[in-house]
Every structure is written in structure tokens, then in C-alpha cells.
Amino acid sequence: MYDVTFLSEEEIVKRLQIVLRDFIEARGDYARQTNSVKEAKDLAAKLAERIYDEPQKWGVADILPEFRDDSAADAFVSLLIGVENLPGRSTVNEWYERTVESKFRRLWTLSEEQTLVSPSENIGVSGQSDVEHLTENGIDSGSVFEEYSSVWISFESDFPRDAFALRLRYMLGRNVDQMVVMLDAPSNRAIAIRVNRARDRFKMFCEQHGLDRNEISGIMSRLPEENE
């Protein structure tokens, strides 16, 4: 009998895949299925323990504290649900890191959207809400993502960090000062650089997906560049 303590993360996942298949094949064999469930729990517990012990390695330490536990738990559930289809060796850590950030972005967005629709919290002295502030020079930057939703969804899947920066700045209308606090960035310039790089990548992504020059020019004009 192997000792799970000495298995690598990739070996744990591989063993989980084997146990899952064995559980399915053992339908009707209660004793065999019971053993499979016990082994699966042991393997999952060991993997969870490693994530808890090394939050930096798994990307958990990069998540804002108030979202950290929920993001980590959601990502771990996704890992277990999709364990049969996880990619091969030396990718478990990278997969989890991408997933925990994706879960964080989703939780953060839900939190921000709830804030935006709360009139008691978002109507200021001027009587304008944060939603109205999304419009600059009479143009709603956030509508770009609705009009080009298929391209945006693909971009968000391929480049989640860049998409998150664009979402905060242009879809949710957060300014650079707010994003410095939200993302625990070292300076306003760091945020400006991050947003501009994300904007440039989105532009190239649009080009690669066949949008013509006029469309891309229109998109970029509605996502104004930050001053670095």
C-alpha cells in the first residue's frame, strides 16, 4: 500500500482518476465502492492540506483576504468535480492557480455589481450613481463588452488577469486610485501600466479574431488609455 504523503500533486490527481474509474466499475459491489470513497477522501484531504500549507505556491495568497477562503474552496471543488479531465503531469498547480483567480474574479464581480445596484450606497452628493459614472464623454465604455460579447468571453477565458483589469476599469467604472487599493498595487502607475497592457492585448485579440480596423478603432476610443 502506498503512502499518500510521498505522492506528488500530479500523482495524487492521477490516483484520484483511477479511484474514480474504479468506483464506477464497481457498481453493485458495496465493499469495493466503500474502499474507493475512503481512498478518494484521503487523497483529497492531502491535496487540500498542501494547498492550505503553501498558499503562495497555489495562488491563494494573491487573492484579497476577504475573498480568499471562498475562492480557494470553490476552486478546490472545481478541481474535484473535473478531476477526471484535468491535464497531464506538471499542470495541477497551474490549473488550480488559474481557477482560484477565476473564482476570485467572479466573486469580486458579483460583490461589485451588488454595490453598484444599491441606491443607498451609490448615490452621492451630486445625485449620480456609480453606474452613470461608467459613461465618459457621453460614451458608455461598459457597453463595448456587450456588443462584442463573443470576443470578450473568449478573451476573458484566455487572458483572465488582463480581462479582470479591463472589467474593473471600464465595465465597473473603478478609477485608478480605487484599483490600487482593490488590487493591493504598489502605485497608481503600476495600475495604469497593467490596464494599458491589458487594453493593448485586447486590441491584438480583436485583430486576431477578424474585427476590422474601424471596429477596433471604435472599441479603443471607448476604452481610453491611462496616463502612466
C-alpha atoms as a PDB file:
ATOM      1  CA  MET A   1       0.000   0.000   0.000  1.00  0.00           C
ATOM      2  CA  TYR A   2       1.383   3.406  -0.982  1.00  0.00           C
ATOM      3  CA  ASP A   3       1.799   6.328   1.424  1.00  0.00           C
ATOM      4  CA  VAL A   4      -0.091   9.367   0.088  1.00  0.00           C
ATOM      5  CA  THR A   5       2.362  11.641   1.927  1.00  0.00           C
ATOM      6  CA  PHE A   6       5.078  10.847  -0.601  1.00  0.00           C
ATOM      7  CA  LEU A   7       2.949  11.329  -3.718  1.00  0.00           C
ATOM      8  CA  SER A   8       3.368  14.445  -5.834  1.00  0.00           C
ATOM      9  CA  GLU A   9       0.298  16.548  -6.596  1.00  0.00           C
ATOM     10  CA  GLU A  10       0.214  15.104 -10.110  1.00  0.00           C
ATOM     11  CA  GLU A  11       0.388  11.579  -8.718  1.00  0.00           C
ATOM     12  CA  ILE A  12      -2.439  12.339  -6.298  1.00  0.00           C
ATOM     13  CA  VAL A  13      -4.608  13.555  -9.158  1.00  0.00           C
ATOM     14  CA  LYS A  14      -3.700  10.536 -11.268  1.00  0.00           C
ATOM     15  CA  ARG A  15      -4.604   8.246  -8.378  1.00  0.00           C
ATOM     16  CA  LEU A  16      -7.908  10.093  -7.901  1.00  0.00           C
ATOM     17  CA  GLN A  17      -8.689   9.488 -11.551  1.00  0.00           C
ATOM     18  CA  ILE A  18      -8.011   5.761 -11.103  1.00  0.00           C
ATOM     19  CA  VAL A  19     -10.141   5.601  -7.952  1.00  0.00           C
ATOM     20  CA  LEU A  20     -12.998   7.377  -9.695  1.00  0.00           C
ATOM     21  CA  ARG A  21     -12.971   4.911 -12.567  1.00  0.00           C
ATOM     22  CA  ASP A  22     -12.766   2.003 -10.112  1.00  0.00           C
ATOM     23  CA  PHE A  23     -15.774   3.343  -8.193  1.00  0.00           C
ATOM     24  CA  ILE A  24     -17.839   3.458 -11.381  1.00  0.00           C
ATOM     25  CA  GLU A  25     -16.728  -0.006 -12.480  1.00  0.00           C
ATOM     26  CA  ALA A  26     -17.548  -1.419  -9.027  1.00  0.00           C
ATOM     27  CA  ARG A  27     -21.228  -0.574  -9.263  1.00  0.00           C
ATOM     28  CA  GLY A  28     -23.115  -3.049  -7.092  1.00  0.00           C
ATOM     29  CA  ASP A  29     -20.013  -4.003  -5.096  1.00  0.00           C
ATOM     30  CA  TYR A  30     -20.614  -2.096  -1.855  1.00  0.00           C
ATOM     31  CA  ALA A  31     -17.342  -3.057  -0.164  1.00  0.00           C
ATOM     32  CA  ARG A  32     -15.240  -2.080  -3.162  1.00  0.00           C
ATOM     33  CA  GLN A  33     -17.043   1.220  -3.600  1.00  0.00           C
ATOM     34  CA  THR A  34     -16.672   1.972   0.103  1.00  0.00           C
ATOM     35  CA  ASN A  35     -12.921   1.471  -0.156  1.00  0.00           C
ATOM     36  CA  SER A  36     -12.801   3.750  -3.209  1.00  0.00           C
ATOM     37  CA  VAL A  37     -14.666   6.506  -1.358  1.00  0.00           C
ATOM     38  CA  LYS A  38     -12.328   6.241   1.633  1.00  0.00           C
ATOM     39  CA  GLU A  39      -9.234   6.412  -0.568  1.00  0.00           C
ATOM     40  CA  ALA A  40     -10.650   9.348  -2.519  1.00  0.00           C
ATOM     41  CA  LYS A  41     -11.283  11.235   0.736  1.00  0.00           C
ATOM     42  CA  ASP A  42      -7.716  10.593   1.902  1.00  0.00           C
ATOM     43  CA  LEU A  43      -6.281  11.787  -1.406  1.00  0.00           C
ATOM     44  CA  ALA A  44      -8.469  14.889  -1.487  1.00  0.00           C
ATOM     45  CA  ALA A  45      -7.601  15.723   2.105  1.00  0.00           C
ATOM     46  CA  LYS A  46      -3.889  15.513   1.386  1.00  0.00           C
ATOM     47  CA  LEU A  47      -4.214  17.751  -1.653  1.00  0.00           C
ATOM     48  CA  ALA A  48      -6.270  20.283   0.322  1.00  0.00           C
ATOM     49  CA  GLU A  49      -3.646  20.208   3.080  1.00  0.00           C
ATOM     50  CA  ARG A  50      -0.878  21.086   0.626  1.00  0.00           C
ATOM     51  CA  ILE A  51      -2.872  23.980  -0.799  1.00  0.00           C
ATOM     52  CA  TYR A  52      -3.530  25.257   2.735  1.00  0.00           C
ATOM     53  CA  ASP A  53       0.124  24.905   3.751  1.00  0.00           C
ATOM     54  CA  GLU A  54       1.526  26.643   0.654  1.00  0.00           C
ATOM     55  CA  PRO A  55      -0.941  29.396  -0.334  1.00  0.00           C
ATOM     56  CA  GLN A  56       1.728  31.287  -2.301  1.00  0.00           C
ATOM     57  CA  LYS A  57       2.535  28.294  -4.497  1.00  0.00           C
ATOM     58  CA  TRP A  58      -1.118  27.715  -5.340  1.00  0.00           C
ATOM     59  CA  GLY A  59      -2.040  31.350  -5.976  1.00  0.00           C
ATOM     60  CA  VAL A  60      -4.243  31.634  -2.892  1.00  0.00           C
ATOM     61  CA  ALA A  61      -2.016  34.244  -1.232  1.00  0.00           C
ATOM     62  CA  ASP A  62      -2.592  36.596  -4.180  1.00  0.00           C
ATOM     63  CA  ILE A  63      -6.335  36.739  -3.516  1.00  0.00           C
ATOM     64  CA  LEU A  64      -7.743  39.588  -1.412  1.00  0.00           C
ATOM     65  CA  PRO A  65      -8.187  38.303   2.174  1.00  0.00           C
ATOM     66  CA  GLU A  66     -11.961  38.771   2.294  1.00  0.00           C
ATOM     67  CA  PHE A  67     -12.391  36.558  -0.805  1.00  0.00           C
ATOM     68  CA  ARG A  68      -9.566  34.116  -0.118  1.00  0.00           C
ATOM     69  CA  ASP A  69     -11.366  31.278   1.668  1.00  0.00           C
ATOM     70  CA  ASP A  70     -14.362  31.218  -0.664  1.00  0.00           C
ATOM     71  CA  SER A  71     -12.195  31.409  -3.793  1.00  0.00           C
ATOM     72  CA  ALA A  72      -9.910  28.615  -2.593  1.00  0.00           C
ATOM     73  CA  ALA A  73     -12.847  26.402  -1.627  1.00  0.00           C
ATOM     74  CA  ASP A  74     -14.670  26.990  -4.932  1.00  0.00           C
ATOM     75  CA  ALA A  75     -11.509  26.241  -6.909  1.00  0.00           C
ATOM     76  CA  PHE A  76     -10.924  23.042  -4.941  1.00  0.00           C
ATOM     77  CA  VAL A  77     -14.489  21.870  -5.576  1.00  0.00           C
ATOM     78  CA  SER A  78     -13.989  22.564  -9.287  1.00  0.00           C
ATOM     79  CA  LEU A  79     -10.782  20.541  -9.183  1.00  0.00           C
ATOM     80  CA  LEU A  80     -12.527  17.562  -7.617  1.00  0.00           C
ATOM     81  CA  ILE A  81     -15.514  17.759  -9.962  1.00  0.00           C
ATOM     82  CA  GLY A  82     -13.294  17.986 -13.030  1.00  0.00           C
ATOM     83  CA  VAL A  83     -10.504  15.727 -11.816  1.00  0.00           C
ATOM     84  CA  GLU A  84     -11.192  13.114 -14.499  1.00  0.00           C
ATOM     85  CA  ASN A  85     -10.482  15.660 -17.244  1.00  0.00           C
ATOM     86  CA  LEU A  86      -7.541  17.504 -15.706  1.00  0.00           C
ATOM     87  CA  PRO A  87      -4.493  17.791 -17.984  1.00  0.00           C
ATOM     88  CA  GLY A  88      -1.354  15.708 -17.591  1.00  0.00           C
ATOM     89  CA  ARG A  89       1.773  15.908 -15.492  1.00  0.00           C
ATOM     90  CA  SER A  90       3.146  19.153 -14.007  1.00  0.00           C
ATOM     91  CA  THR A  91      -0.062  21.125 -14.588  1.00  0.00           C
ATOM     92  CA  VAL A  92      -2.130  20.654 -11.401  1.00  0.00           C
ATOM     93  CA  ASN A  93      -0.594  23.671  -9.675  1.00  0.00           C
ATOM     94  CA  GLU A  94      -1.009  25.910 -12.731  1.00  0.00           C
ATOM     95  CA  TRP A  95      -4.578  24.715 -13.266  1.00  0.00           C
ATOM     96  CA  TYR A  96      -5.524  25.458  -9.667  1.00  0.00           C
ATOM     97  CA  GLU A  97      -3.816  28.848  -9.725  1.00  0.00           C
ATOM     98  CA  ARG A  98      -5.778  29.887 -12.822  1.00  0.00           C
ATOM     99  CA  THR A  99      -9.001  28.537 -11.365  1.00  0.00           C
ATOM    100  CA  VAL A 100      -8.692  30.204  -7.965  1.00  0.00           C
ATOM    101  CA  GLU A 101      -8.120  33.546  -9.678  1.00  0.00           C
ATOM    102  CA  SER A 102     -11.127  32.928 -11.922  1.00  0.00           C
ATOM    103  CA  LYS A 103     -13.279  32.151  -8.880  1.00  0.00           C
ATOM    104  CA  PHE A 104     -11.999  35.295  -7.173  1.00  0.00           C
ATOM    105  CA  ARG A 105     -12.847  37.431 -10.210  1.00  0.00           C
ATOM    106  CA  ARG A 106     -16.363  36.020 -10.247  1.00  0.00           C
ATOM    107  CA  LEU A 107     -16.898  36.641  -6.529  1.00  0.00           C
ATOM    108  CA  TRP A 108     -15.388  40.107  -6.805  1.00  0.00           C
ATOM    109  CA  THR A 109     -17.583  40.993  -9.773  1.00  0.00           C
ATOM    110  CA  LEU A 110     -20.723  39.808  -8.000  1.00  0.00           C
ATOM    111  CA  SER A 111     -19.758  41.886  -4.991  1.00  0.00           C
ATOM    112  CA  GLU A 112     -19.112  44.949  -7.110  1.00  0.00           C
ATOM    113  CA  GLU A 113     -22.323  44.557  -9.087  1.00  0.00           C
ATOM    114  CA  GLN A 114     -24.332  44.318  -5.867  1.00  0.00           C
ATOM    115  CA  THR A 115     -22.681  47.530  -4.719  1.00  0.00           C
ATOM    116  CA  LEU A 116     -23.470  49.267  -7.991  1.00  0.00           C
ATOM    117  CA  VAL A 117     -27.186  48.498  -7.815  1.00  0.00           C
ATOM    118  CA  SER A 118     -27.559  49.642  -4.193  1.00  0.00           C
ATOM    119  CA  PRO A 119     -29.013  53.170  -4.441  1.00  0.00           C
ATOM    120  CA  SER A 120     -28.457  53.933  -0.760  1.00  0.00           C
ATOM    121  CA  GLU A 121     -24.717  53.335  -1.085  1.00  0.00           C
ATOM    122  CA  ASN A 122     -24.058  54.608  -4.580  1.00  0.00           C
ATOM    123  CA  ILE A 123     -25.986  57.881  -4.872  1.00  0.00           C
ATOM    124  CA  GLY A 124     -23.559  60.638  -3.949  1.00  0.00           C
ATOM    125  CA  VAL A 125     -23.882  64.339  -3.283  1.00  0.00           C
ATOM    126  CA  SER A 126     -24.272  65.055  -6.984  1.00  0.00           C
ATOM    127  CA  GLY A 127     -27.200  62.644  -7.181  1.00  0.00           C
ATOM    128  CA  GLN A 128     -25.378  60.462  -9.702  1.00  0.00           C
ATOM    129  CA  SER A 129     -24.778  56.757  -9.244  1.00  0.00           C
ATOM    130  CA  ASP A 130     -21.600  54.823  -9.987  1.00  0.00           C
ATOM    131  CA  VAL A 131     -23.353  53.248 -12.972  1.00  0.00           C
ATOM    132  CA  GLU A 132     -23.740  56.676 -14.530  1.00  0.00           C
ATOM    133  CA  HIS A 133     -20.047  57.349 -13.992  1.00  0.00           C
ATOM    134  CA  LEU A 134     -19.250  54.496 -16.364  1.00  0.00           C
ATOM    135  CA  THR A 135     -20.070  56.962 -19.134  1.00  0.00           C
ATOM    136  CA  GLU A 136     -17.205  59.240 -20.122  1.00  0.00           C
ATOM    137  CA  ASN A 137     -17.696  61.988 -22.682  1.00  0.00           C
ATOM    138  CA  GLY A 138     -21.173  60.653 -23.365  1.00  0.00           C
ATOM    139  CA  ILE A 139     -19.895  57.149 -24.216  1.00  0.00           C
ATOM    140  CA  ASP A 140     -20.586  54.064 -22.139  1.00  0.00           C
ATOM    141  CA  SER A 141     -17.313  52.108 -22.038  1.00  0.00           C
ATOM    142  CA  GLY A 142     -19.005  49.092 -20.493  1.00  0.00           C
ATOM    143  CA  SER A 143     -21.283  48.590 -23.497  1.00  0.00           C
ATOM    144  CA  VAL A 144     -18.258  47.506 -25.563  1.00  0.00           C
ATOM    145  CA  PHE A 145     -18.208  44.180 -23.752  1.00  0.00           C
ATOM    146  CA  GLU A 146     -21.875  43.593 -24.503  1.00  0.00           C
ATOM    147  CA  GLU A 147     -21.622  44.500 -28.187  1.00  0.00           C
ATOM    148  CA  TYR A 148     -18.594  42.245 -28.712  1.00  0.00           C
ATOM    149  CA  SER A 149     -19.606  39.604 -26.190  1.00  0.00           C
ATOM    150  CA  SER A 150     -18.310  36.584 -28.123  1.00  0.00           C
ATOM    151  CA  VAL A 151     -14.842  38.107 -28.473  1.00  0.00           C
ATOM    152  CA  TRP A 152     -14.873  39.282 -24.864  1.00  0.00           C
ATOM    153  CA  ILE A 153     -15.862  35.865 -23.493  1.00  0.00           C
ATOM    154  CA  SER A 154     -13.005  34.247 -25.410  1.00  0.00           C
ATOM    155  CA  PHE A 155     -10.566  36.917 -24.235  1.00  0.00           C
ATOM    156  CA  GLU A 156     -11.675  36.504 -20.618  1.00  0.00           C
ATOM    157  CA  SER A 157     -11.090  32.766 -20.879  1.00  0.00           C
ATOM    158  CA  ASP A 158      -7.637  33.048 -22.479  1.00  0.00           C
ATOM    159  CA  PHE A 159      -6.339  36.077 -20.543  1.00  0.00           C
ATOM    160  CA  PRO A 160      -8.182  36.207 -17.184  1.00  0.00           C
ATOM    161  CA  ARG A 161      -5.799  38.650 -15.479  1.00  0.00           C
ATOM    162  CA  ASP A 162      -5.993  41.177 -18.303  1.00  0.00           C
ATOM    163  CA  ALA A 163      -9.753  40.750 -18.571  1.00  0.00           C
ATOM    164  CA  PHE A 164     -10.116  41.348 -14.845  1.00  0.00           C
ATOM    165  CA  ALA A 165      -8.239  44.661 -15.088  1.00  0.00           C
ATOM    166  CA  LEU A 166     -10.415  45.783 -18.009  1.00  0.00           C
ATOM    167  CA  ARG A 167     -13.569  44.677 -16.211  1.00  0.00           C
ATOM    168  CA  LEU A 168     -12.733  46.714 -13.119  1.00  0.00           C
ATOM    169  CA  ARG A 169     -11.689  49.823 -15.026  1.00  0.00           C
ATOM    170  CA  TYR A 170     -14.182  50.028 -17.865  1.00  0.00           C
ATOM    171  CA  MET A 171     -17.112  47.749 -17.033  1.00  0.00           C
ATOM    172  CA  LEU A 172     -17.425  48.547 -13.335  1.00  0.00           C
ATOM    173  CA  GLY A 173     -16.012  52.053 -13.685  1.00  0.00           C
ATOM    174  CA  ARG A 174     -13.417  51.872 -10.924  1.00  0.00           C
ATOM    175  CA  ASN A 175     -10.758  54.566 -11.129  1.00  0.00           C
ATOM    176  CA  VAL A 176      -7.021  54.031 -10.760  1.00  0.00           C
ATOM    177  CA  ASP A 177      -6.971  55.121  -7.097  1.00  0.00           C
ATOM    178  CA  GLN A 178      -9.662  52.595  -6.235  1.00  0.00           C
ATOM    179  CA  MET A 179      -7.905  49.825  -8.160  1.00  0.00           C
ATOM    180  CA  VAL A 180      -4.657  50.449  -6.271  1.00  0.00           C
ATOM    181  CA  VAL A 181      -6.479  49.599  -3.031  1.00  0.00           C
ATOM    182  CA  MET A 182      -8.520  46.744  -4.531  1.00  0.00           C
ATOM    183  CA  LEU A 183      -5.526  45.009  -6.090  1.00  0.00           C
ATOM    184  CA  ASP A 184      -3.016  45.964  -3.402  1.00  0.00           C
ATOM    185  CA  ALA A 185      -0.804  47.538  -6.078  1.00  0.00           C
ATOM    186  CA  PRO A 186       2.382  49.471  -5.201  1.00  0.00           C
ATOM    187  CA  SER A 187       1.369  52.641  -7.056  1.00  0.00           C
ATOM    188  CA  ASN A 188      -1.064  54.325  -9.435  1.00  0.00           C
ATOM    189  CA  ARG A 189       1.487  53.914 -12.192  1.00  0.00           C
ATOM    190  CA  ALA A 190       1.542  50.148 -11.684  1.00  0.00           C
ATOM    191  CA  ILE A 191      -2.224  50.032 -12.219  1.00  0.00           C
ATOM    192  CA  ALA A 192      -2.031  52.345 -15.240  1.00  0.00           C
ATOM    193  CA  ILE A 193       0.609  50.094 -16.817  1.00  0.00           C
ATOM    194  CA  ARG A 194      -1.466  46.989 -16.087  1.00  0.00           C
ATOM    195  CA  VAL A 195      -4.623  48.489 -17.603  1.00  0.00           C
ATOM    196  CA  ASN A 196      -2.798  49.744 -20.710  1.00  0.00           C
ATOM    197  CA  ARG A 197      -1.136  46.384 -21.281  1.00  0.00           C
ATOM    198  CA  ALA A 198      -4.492  44.652 -20.903  1.00  0.00           C
ATOM    199  CA  ARG A 199      -6.026  47.160 -23.315  1.00  0.00           C
ATOM    200  CA  ASP A 200      -3.263  46.529 -25.881  1.00  0.00           C
ATOM    201  CA  ARG A 201      -3.676  42.770 -25.554  1.00  0.00           C
ATOM    202  CA  PHE A 202      -7.427  43.066 -26.062  1.00  0.00           C
ATOM    203  CA  LYS A 203      -6.773  45.137 -29.175  1.00  0.00           C
ATOM    204  CA  MET A 204      -4.476  42.445 -30.607  1.00  0.00           C
ATOM    205  CA  PHE A 205      -7.018  39.801 -29.637  1.00  0.00           C
ATOM    206  CA  CYS A 206      -9.720  41.649 -31.579  1.00  0.00           C
ATOM    207  CA  GLU A 207      -7.413  41.830 -34.602  1.00  0.00           C
ATOM    208  CA  GLN A 208      -6.724  38.095 -34.412  1.00  0.00           C
ATOM    209  CA  HIS A 209     -10.461  37.397 -34.286  1.00  0.00           C
ATOM    210  CA  GLY A 210     -11.187  39.210 -37.520  1.00  0.00           C
ATOM    211  CA  LEU A 211     -12.601  42.554 -36.414  1.00  0.00           C
ATOM    212  CA  ASP A 212     -11.887  45.261 -38.988  1.00  0.00           C
ATOM    213  CA  ARG A 213      -9.857  48.397 -38.333  1.00  0.00           C
ATOM    214  CA  ASN A 214     -12.852  50.664 -37.918  1.00  0.00           C
ATOM    215  CA  GLU A 215     -14.441  48.377 -35.323  1.00  0.00           C
ATOM    216  CA  ILE A 216     -11.199  48.087 -33.371  1.00  0.00           C
ATOM    217  CA  SER A 217     -10.630  51.833 -33.540  1.00  0.00           C
ATOM    218  CA  GLY A 218     -14.128  52.370 -32.172  1.00  0.00           C
ATOM    219  CA  ILE A 219     -13.531  49.920 -29.332  1.00  0.00           C
ATOM    220  CA  MET A 220     -10.237  51.519 -28.332  1.00  0.00           C
ATOM    221  CA  SER A 221     -11.753  55.006 -28.379  1.00  0.00           C
ATOM    222  CA  ARG A 222     -14.260  53.810 -25.792  1.00  0.00           C
ATOM    223  CA  LEU A 223     -11.522  52.261 -23.641  1.00  0.00           C
ATOM    224  CA  PRO A 224      -9.282  55.311 -23.185  1.00  0.00           C
ATOM    225  CA  GLU A 225      -5.609  54.802 -22.425  1.00  0.00           C
ATOM    226  CA  GLU A 226      -4.351  55.588 -18.928  1.00  0.00           C
ATOM    227  CA  ASN A 227      -1.668  58.178 -18.308  1.00  0.00           C
ATOM    228  CA  GLU A 228       1.439  56.428 -16.971  1.00  0.00           C
END
